[in-house]
């Protein structure tokens, strides 16, 4: 996989924050357990996630394959750069169709009362169009994650 662009502060980025009525451990499991990822990953137009692979260690990788309602297949993967259990995930992000366009995602999970606040920062986009498309994807994914966490905290 290509290395991420480094030293470029002028690349577009996005930051999303979301409050969940779930403990940090449950939010962490939703991001790090393949069976949980299959239940929420992708925006509303994603109807299934047949593949979610996670090698949860620094230097380990992940791969997710999503299928849209129109039959289109989307595959993304990357390598974990930093892991702090129940608090922080940092990973590379590259679509299978454009492996040379590697960006970086940081997920922070903070305890907030009986729940958690998640901050997602996705940086080093190739352009604003890529950033805007990912804003749509991450916003939809966060809505699905919120619904999953609200269903049953024991399910994760």
C-alpha atoms as a PDB file:
ATOM      1  CA  UNK A   1       0.000   0.000   0.000  1.00  0.00           C
ATOM      2  CA  UNK A   2       1.243   3.504  -0.761  1.00  0.00           C
ATOM      3  CA  UNK A   3       2.521   5.682   2.056  1.00  0.00           C
ATOM      4  CA  UNK A   4       0.427   8.634   3.203  1.00  0.00           C
ATOM      5  CA  UNK A   5       1.206  12.142   2.083  1.00  0.00           C
ATOM      6  CA  UNK A   6       3.320  13.769   4.779  1.00  0.00           C
ATOM      7  CA  UNK A   7       4.162  17.336   5.629  1.00  0.00           C
ATOM      8  CA  UNK A   8       1.157  18.774   3.782  1.00  0.00           C
ATOM      9  CA  UNK A   9      -0.971  20.915   6.047  1.00  0.00           C
ATOM     10  CA  UNK A  10      -2.864  22.351   3.077  1.00  0.00           C
ATOM     11  CA  UNK A  11      -4.774  19.147   2.301  1.00  0.00           C
ATOM     12  CA  UNK A  12      -8.520  19.178   3.032  1.00  0.00           C
ATOM     13  CA  UNK A  13      -9.710  17.460   6.194  1.00  0.00           C
ATOM     14  CA  UNK A  14     -12.891  16.956   8.187  1.00  0.00           C
ATOM     15  CA  UNK A  15     -13.814  16.531  11.838  1.00  0.00           C
ATOM     16  CA  UNK A  16     -17.060  15.046  13.172  1.00  0.00           C
ATOM     17  CA  UNK A  17     -18.167  14.707  16.798  1.00  0.00           C
ATOM     18  CA  UNK A  18     -20.893  12.436  18.087  1.00  0.00           C
ATOM     19  CA  UNK A  19     -22.221  11.665  21.564  1.00  0.00           C
ATOM     20  CA  UNK A  20     -23.274   8.065  22.245  1.00  0.00           C
ATOM     21  CA  UNK A  21     -25.224   6.598  25.144  1.00  0.00           C
ATOM     22  CA  UNK A  22     -22.694   3.776  25.342  1.00  0.00           C
ATOM     23  CA  UNK A  23     -19.541   3.242  27.374  1.00  0.00           C
ATOM     24  CA  UNK A  24     -16.168   3.777  25.666  1.00  0.00           C
ATOM     25  CA  UNK A  25     -15.558  -0.007  25.720  1.00  0.00           C
ATOM     26  CA  UNK A  26     -18.701  -0.585  23.640  1.00  0.00           C
ATOM     27  CA  UNK A  27     -17.791   2.125  21.127  1.00  0.00           C
ATOM     28  CA  UNK A  28     -14.265   0.667  20.870  1.00  0.00           C
ATOM     29  CA  UNK A  29     -15.643  -2.814  20.168  1.00  0.00           C
ATOM     30  CA  UNK A  30     -17.886  -1.407  17.429  1.00  0.00           C
ATOM     31  CA  UNK A  31     -14.756  -0.070  15.678  1.00  0.00           C
ATOM     32  CA  UNK A  32     -12.480  -3.043  16.291  1.00  0.00           C
ATOM     33  CA  UNK A  33     -14.562  -6.233  16.061  1.00  0.00           C
ATOM     34  CA  UNK A  34     -15.289  -7.456  12.526  1.00  0.00           C
ATOM     35  CA  UNK A  35     -18.811  -8.699  13.310  1.00  0.00           C
ATOM     36  CA  UNK A  36     -19.697  -5.335  14.851  1.00  0.00           C
ATOM     37  CA  UNK A  37     -18.247  -3.382  11.882  1.00  0.00           C
ATOM     38  CA  UNK A  38     -20.459  -5.382   9.531  1.00  0.00           C
ATOM     39  CA  UNK A  39     -23.517  -4.064  11.379  1.00  0.00           C
ATOM     40  CA  UNK A  40     -22.897  -0.319  10.983  1.00  0.00           C
ATOM     41  CA  UNK A  41     -20.079   0.591   8.613  1.00  0.00           C
ATOM     42  CA  UNK A  42     -21.037   2.732   5.624  1.00  0.00           C
ATOM     43  CA  UNK A  43     -23.705   5.350   4.875  1.00  0.00           C
ATOM     44  CA  UNK A  44     -27.414   4.620   4.349  1.00  0.00           C
ATOM     45  CA  UNK A  45     -26.995   3.447   0.739  1.00  0.00           C
ATOM     46  CA  UNK A  46     -24.767   0.583   1.921  1.00  0.00           C
ATOM     47  CA  UNK A  47     -27.032  -2.440   2.313  1.00  0.00           C
ATOM     48  CA  UNK A  48     -24.454  -4.980   3.452  1.00  0.00           C
ATOM     49  CA  UNK A  49     -20.856  -5.367   4.575  1.00  0.00           C
ATOM     50  CA  UNK A  50     -19.898  -8.901   3.550  1.00  0.00           C
ATOM     51  CA  UNK A  51     -16.229  -8.492   4.511  1.00  0.00           C
ATOM     52  CA  UNK A  52     -14.723  -6.860   7.598  1.00  0.00           C
ATOM     53  CA  UNK A  53     -11.199  -7.940   8.500  1.00  0.00           C
ATOM     54  CA  UNK A  54      -9.257  -6.520  11.428  1.00  0.00           C
ATOM     55  CA  UNK A  55      -5.684  -7.248  12.536  1.00  0.00           C
ATOM     56  CA  UNK A  56      -5.785  -4.998  15.612  1.00  0.00           C
ATOM     57  CA  UNK A  57      -2.153  -4.155  16.296  1.00  0.00           C
ATOM     58  CA  UNK A  58       0.125  -1.317  15.299  1.00  0.00           C
ATOM     59  CA  UNK A  59       1.235  -2.216  11.777  1.00  0.00           C
ATOM     60  CA  UNK A  60      -1.725  -4.574  11.357  1.00  0.00           C
ATOM     61  CA  UNK A  61      -4.334  -3.901   8.726  1.00  0.00           C
ATOM     62  CA  UNK A  62      -8.035  -3.721   8.156  1.00  0.00           C
ATOM     63  CA  UNK A  63     -10.205  -4.252   5.085  1.00  0.00           C
ATOM     64  CA  UNK A  64     -13.903  -3.586   4.635  1.00  0.00           C
ATOM     65  CA  UNK A  65     -16.043  -4.416   1.600  1.00  0.00           C
ATOM     66  CA  UNK A  66     -19.407  -2.659   1.351  1.00  0.00           C
ATOM     67  CA  UNK A  67     -22.229  -3.277  -1.109  1.00  0.00           C
ATOM     68  CA  UNK A  68     -24.605  -0.508  -2.130  1.00  0.00           C
ATOM     69  CA  UNK A  69     -28.255  -0.980  -3.006  1.00  0.00           C
ATOM     70  CA  UNK A  70     -27.450  -0.425  -6.691  1.00  0.00           C
ATOM     71  CA  UNK A  71     -24.969  -3.331  -6.604  1.00  0.00           C
ATOM     72  CA  UNK A  72     -21.847  -1.166  -6.526  1.00  0.00           C
ATOM     73  CA  UNK A  73     -18.972  -2.624  -4.467  1.00  0.00           C
ATOM     74  CA  UNK A  74     -16.765  -0.380  -2.327  1.00  0.00           C
ATOM     75  CA  UNK A  75     -13.554  -1.688  -0.736  1.00  0.00           C
ATOM     76  CA  UNK A  76     -11.390   0.251   1.677  1.00  0.00           C
ATOM     77  CA  UNK A  77      -8.431  -0.727   3.810  1.00  0.00           C
ATOM     78  CA  UNK A  78      -5.425   0.522   5.654  1.00  0.00           C
ATOM     79  CA  UNK A  79      -2.877  -0.017   8.372  1.00  0.00           C
ATOM     80  CA  UNK A  80      -3.161   0.790  12.063  1.00  0.00           C
ATOM     81  CA  UNK A  81      -0.678   3.450  13.144  1.00  0.00           C
ATOM     82  CA  UNK A  82      -1.634   3.976  16.801  1.00  0.00           C
ATOM     83  CA  UNK A  83      -3.913   2.113  19.211  1.00  0.00           C
ATOM     84  CA  UNK A  84      -4.898   3.082  22.744  1.00  0.00           C
ATOM     85  CA  UNK A  85      -7.591   0.613  23.852  1.00  0.00           C
ATOM     86  CA  UNK A  86     -10.992   2.204  24.410  1.00  0.00           C
ATOM     87  CA  UNK A  87      -9.553   5.685  23.711  1.00  0.00           C
ATOM     88  CA  UNK A  88      -7.820   6.141  20.346  1.00  0.00           C
ATOM     89  CA  UNK A  89      -7.466   4.581  16.882  1.00  0.00           C
ATOM     90  CA  UNK A  90      -5.249   6.063  14.171  1.00  0.00           C
ATOM     91  CA  UNK A  91      -5.147   4.376  10.783  1.00  0.00           C
ATOM     92  CA  UNK A  92      -4.374   4.846   7.119  1.00  0.00           C
ATOM     93  CA  UNK A  93      -7.350   4.874   4.769  1.00  0.00           C
ATOM     94  CA  UNK A  94      -7.199   3.980   1.061  1.00  0.00           C
ATOM     95  CA  UNK A  95      -9.848   2.823  -1.395  1.00  0.00           C
ATOM     96  CA  UNK A  96      -8.959  -0.268  -3.422  1.00  0.00           C
ATOM     97  CA  UNK A  97      -9.642   1.656  -6.657  1.00  0.00           C
ATOM     98  CA  UNK A  98      -7.250   4.501  -5.725  1.00  0.00           C
ATOM     99  CA  UNK A  99      -4.566   2.929  -3.499  1.00  0.00           C
ATOM    100  CA  UNK A 100      -2.167   5.804  -4.143  1.00  0.00           C
ATOM    101  CA  UNK A 101      -4.542   8.233  -2.352  1.00  0.00           C
ATOM    102  CA  UNK A 102      -3.806   7.376   1.272  1.00  0.00           C
ATOM    103  CA  UNK A 103      -5.398   9.549   3.927  1.00  0.00           C
ATOM    104  CA  UNK A 104      -5.409   9.222   7.710  1.00  0.00           C
ATOM    105  CA  UNK A 105      -8.225   8.758  10.225  1.00  0.00           C
ATOM    106  CA  UNK A 106      -8.015   9.459  13.954  1.00  0.00           C
ATOM    107  CA  UNK A 107     -10.857   8.271  16.193  1.00  0.00           C
ATOM    108  CA  UNK A 108     -10.886   9.572  19.772  1.00  0.00           C
ATOM    109  CA  UNK A 109     -13.294   8.121  22.347  1.00  0.00           C
ATOM    110  CA  UNK A 110     -13.799  10.125  25.539  1.00  0.00           C
ATOM    111  CA  UNK A 111     -15.933   9.092  28.522  1.00  0.00           C
ATOM    112  CA  UNK A 112     -18.849  11.516  28.997  1.00  0.00           C
ATOM    113  CA  UNK A 113     -20.996  10.751  32.025  1.00  0.00           C
ATOM    114  CA  UNK A 114     -22.638   7.375  31.337  1.00  0.00           C
ATOM    115  CA  UNK A 115     -21.762   7.573  27.649  1.00  0.00           C
ATOM    116  CA  UNK A 116     -19.005   8.581  25.261  1.00  0.00           C
ATOM    117  CA  UNK A 117     -18.045  11.346  22.895  1.00  0.00           C
ATOM    118  CA  UNK A 118     -16.426  10.244  19.657  1.00  0.00           C
ATOM    119  CA  UNK A 119     -14.320  12.635  17.599  1.00  0.00           C
ATOM    120  CA  UNK A 120     -13.411  11.487  14.105  1.00  0.00           C
ATOM    121  CA  UNK A 121     -10.726  13.463  12.261  1.00  0.00           C
ATOM    122  CA  UNK A 122     -10.040  12.415   8.658  1.00  0.00           C
ATOM    123  CA  UNK A 123      -7.138  14.268   7.048  1.00  0.00           C
ATOM    124  CA  UNK A 124      -4.891  14.392   3.986  1.00  0.00           C
ATOM    125  CA  UNK A 125      -7.615  14.188   1.358  1.00  0.00           C
ATOM    126  CA  UNK A 126      -6.465  14.614  -2.224  1.00  0.00           C
ATOM    127  CA  UNK A 127      -9.072  17.333  -2.819  1.00  0.00           C
ATOM    128  CA  UNK A 128     -12.271  18.920  -1.515  1.00  0.00           C
ATOM    129  CA  UNK A 129     -14.504  16.566  -3.505  1.00  0.00           C
ATOM    130  CA  UNK A 130     -12.937  13.577  -1.757  1.00  0.00           C
ATOM    131  CA  UNK A 131     -13.411  15.290   1.605  1.00  0.00           C
ATOM    132  CA  UNK A 132     -17.057  16.070   0.858  1.00  0.00           C
ATOM    133  CA  UNK A 133     -17.780  12.493  -0.226  1.00  0.00           C
ATOM    134  CA  UNK A 134     -16.209  11.173   2.959  1.00  0.00           C
ATOM    135  CA  UNK A 135     -18.205  13.655   5.051  1.00  0.00           C
ATOM    136  CA  UNK A 136     -21.357  12.056   3.595  1.00  0.00           C
ATOM    137  CA  UNK A 137     -20.028   8.559   4.274  1.00  0.00           C
ATOM    138  CA  UNK A 138     -18.878   9.209   7.826  1.00  0.00           C
ATOM    139  CA  UNK A 139     -22.046  11.119   8.746  1.00  0.00           C
ATOM    140  CA  UNK A 140     -24.183   8.213   7.555  1.00  0.00           C
ATOM    141  CA  UNK A 141     -21.942   5.714   9.302  1.00  0.00           C
ATOM    142  CA  UNK A 142     -22.184   7.604  12.597  1.00  0.00           C
ATOM    143  CA  UNK A 143     -25.990   7.556  12.370  1.00  0.00           C
ATOM    144  CA  UNK A 144     -25.920   3.779  11.857  1.00  0.00           C
ATOM    145  CA  UNK A 145     -23.429   3.363  14.714  1.00  0.00           C
ATOM    146  CA  UNK A 146     -25.681   5.405  17.003  1.00  0.00           C
ATOM    147  CA  UNK A 147     -28.639   3.202  16.095  1.00  0.00           C
ATOM    148  CA  UNK A 148     -26.619   0.040  16.724  1.00  0.00           C
ATOM    149  CA  UNK A 149     -25.327   1.225  20.085  1.00  0.00           C
ATOM    150  CA  UNK A 150     -28.854   2.195  21.073  1.00  0.00           C
ATOM    151  CA  UNK A 151     -30.290  -1.233  20.217  1.00  0.00           C
ATOM    152  CA  UNK A 152     -28.528  -3.231  22.868  1.00  0.00           C
ATOM    153  CA  UNK A 153     -25.308  -2.372  24.558  1.00  0.00           C
ATOM    154  CA  UNK A 154     -24.904  -6.084  25.285  1.00  0.00           C
ATOM    155  CA  UNK A 155     -24.847  -6.883  21.561  1.00  0.00           C
ATOM    156  CA  UNK A 156     -21.311  -5.538  21.243  1.00  0.00           C
END
